[in-house]
C-alpha atoms as a PDB file:
ATOM      1  CA  MET A   1       7.301   4.787   8.933  1.00  0.00           C
ATOM      2  CA  LEU A   2       4.347   5.566   6.749  1.00  0.00           C
ATOM      3  CA  LYS A   3       4.444   9.217   5.726  1.00  0.00           C
ATOM      4  CA  ASN A   4       1.238   9.648   3.713  1.00  0.00           C
ATOM      5  CA  ILE A   5      -1.658   7.783   2.043  1.00  0.00           C
ATOM      6  CA  LEU A   6      -3.021   9.303  -1.148  1.00  0.00           C
ATOM      7  CA  ASN A   7      -5.680   8.339  -3.687  1.00  0.00           C
ATOM      8  CA  LEU A   8      -4.249   6.968  -6.914  1.00  0.00           C
ATOM      9  CA  GLY A   9      -7.152   7.296  -9.261  1.00  0.00           C
ATOM     10  CA  ASP A  10     -10.521   6.041  -8.011  1.00  0.00           C
ATOM     11  CA  ALA A  11      -9.543   2.437  -7.191  1.00  0.00           C
ATOM     12  CA  ALA A  12      -6.069   2.547  -5.653  1.00  0.00           C
ATOM     13  CA  LEU A  13      -4.085   3.971  -2.775  1.00  0.00           C
ATOM     14  CA  TYR A  14      -0.528   5.212  -2.856  1.00  0.00           C
ATOM     15  CA  CYS A  15       1.235   4.605   0.451  1.00  0.00           C
ATOM     16  CA  ASP A  16       4.331   6.810   0.711  1.00  0.00           C
ATOM     17  CA  PHE A  17       7.129   5.870   3.084  1.00  0.00           C
ATOM     18  CA  GLY A  18       9.396   8.753   2.085  1.00  0.00           C
ATOM     19  CA  ASN A  19      11.753   9.790  -0.702  1.00  0.00           C
ATOM     20  CA  GLU A  20      14.851   7.958   0.485  1.00  0.00           C
ATOM     21  CA  ILE A  21      15.797   4.467  -0.609  1.00  0.00           C
ATOM     22  CA  ASN A  22      17.362   2.487   2.191  1.00  0.00           C
ATOM     23  CA  LYS A  23      17.056  -0.841   3.979  1.00  0.00           C
ATOM     24  CA  GLU A  24      15.007   0.541   6.905  1.00  0.00           C
ATOM     25  CA  ILE A  25      12.359   2.137   4.687  1.00  0.00           C
ATOM     26  CA  ASN A  26      12.175  -0.937   2.445  1.00  0.00           C
ATOM     27  CA  THR A  27      11.777  -3.168   5.527  1.00  0.00           C
ATOM     28  CA  ASN A  28       8.782  -0.993   6.570  1.00  0.00           C
ATOM     29  CA  VAL A  29       7.232  -1.240   3.126  1.00  0.00           C
ATOM     30  CA  ILE A  30       7.599  -5.030   3.061  1.00  0.00           C
ATOM     31  CA  SER A  31       6.245  -5.306   6.629  1.00  0.00           C
ATOM     32  CA  PHE A  32       3.155  -3.241   5.747  1.00  0.00           C
ATOM     33  CA  PHE A  33       2.719  -5.254   2.520  1.00  0.00           C
ATOM     34  CA  LYS A  34       2.866  -8.572   4.371  1.00  0.00           C
ATOM     35  CA  THR A  35       0.467  -7.339   7.095  1.00  0.00           C
ATOM     36  CA  ILE A  36      -2.129  -6.285   4.570  1.00  0.00           C
ATOM     37  CA  GLN A  37      -1.633  -9.486   2.593  1.00  0.00           C
ATOM     38  CA  GLU A  38      -2.177 -11.602   5.702  1.00  0.00           C
ATOM     39  CA  GLN A  39      -5.395  -9.738   6.556  1.00  0.00           C
ATOM     40  CA  ASN A  40      -6.917 -11.089   3.316  1.00  0.00           C
ATOM     41  CA  ILE A  41      -9.161  -8.015   3.036  1.00  0.00           C
ATOM     42  CA  LYS A  42     -12.079  -8.623   0.700  1.00  0.00           C
ATOM     43  CA  GLY A  43     -11.892  -6.229  -2.212  1.00  0.00           C
ATOM     44  CA  ILE A  44      -8.158  -5.715  -2.426  1.00  0.00           C
ATOM     45  CA  THR A  45      -7.165  -6.847  -5.892  1.00  0.00           C
ATOM     46  CA  ASN A  46      -3.429  -6.124  -5.952  1.00  0.00           C
ATOM     47  CA  LEU A  47      -0.587  -5.015  -3.741  1.00  0.00           C
ATOM     48  CA  ALA A  48       2.522  -3.585  -5.457  1.00  0.00           C
ATOM     49  CA  PRO A  49       5.487  -2.839  -3.172  1.00  0.00           C
ATOM     50  CA  SER A  50       8.564  -0.919  -4.282  1.00  0.00           C
ATOM     51  CA  TYR A  51      11.640   0.304  -2.445  1.00  0.00           C
ATOM     52  CA  ASN A  52       9.758   3.116  -0.690  1.00  0.00           C
ATOM     53  CA  LYS A  53       6.126   2.984  -1.794  1.00  0.00           C
ATOM     54  CA  LEU A  54       3.175   0.545  -1.755  1.00  0.00           C
ATOM     55  CA  ILE A  55       0.264   0.690  -4.143  1.00  0.00           C
ATOM     56  CA  ILE A  56      -2.969  -0.966  -3.020  1.00  0.00           C
ATOM     57  CA  SER A  57      -5.558  -1.571  -5.717  1.00  0.00           C
ATOM     58  CA  PHE A  58      -9.136  -2.440  -4.872  1.00  0.00           C
ATOM     59  CA  ASP A  59     -12.497  -3.340  -6.370  1.00  0.00           C
ATOM     60  CA  LEU A  60     -14.875  -0.406  -5.907  1.00  0.00           C
ATOM     61  CA  ASP A  61     -17.894  -2.747  -5.784  1.00  0.00           C
ATOM     62  CA  LEU A  62     -16.485  -4.358  -2.595  1.00  0.00           C
ATOM     63  CA  ILE A  63     -14.426  -1.692  -0.851  1.00  0.00           C
ATOM     64  CA  ASN A  64     -13.535   2.023  -1.084  1.00  0.00           C
ATOM     65  CA  PHE A  65     -10.934   4.471   0.153  1.00  0.00           C
ATOM     66  CA  SER A  66     -12.622   4.884   3.510  1.00  0.00           C
END
């Protein structure tokens, strides 16, 4: 389950799924990653999943935090 979404600089978001590293949390991260990837949202330039976090980078000329 997604715990928090924070700004990471001015052109990225930090999606926090918790501090633990386990299969359930990682499955949630990968599921969220794939869902966003499938949406093909204009302006997202990079998605970087880890065990318990997801960083979403975007082009400020096309999209913003909101």
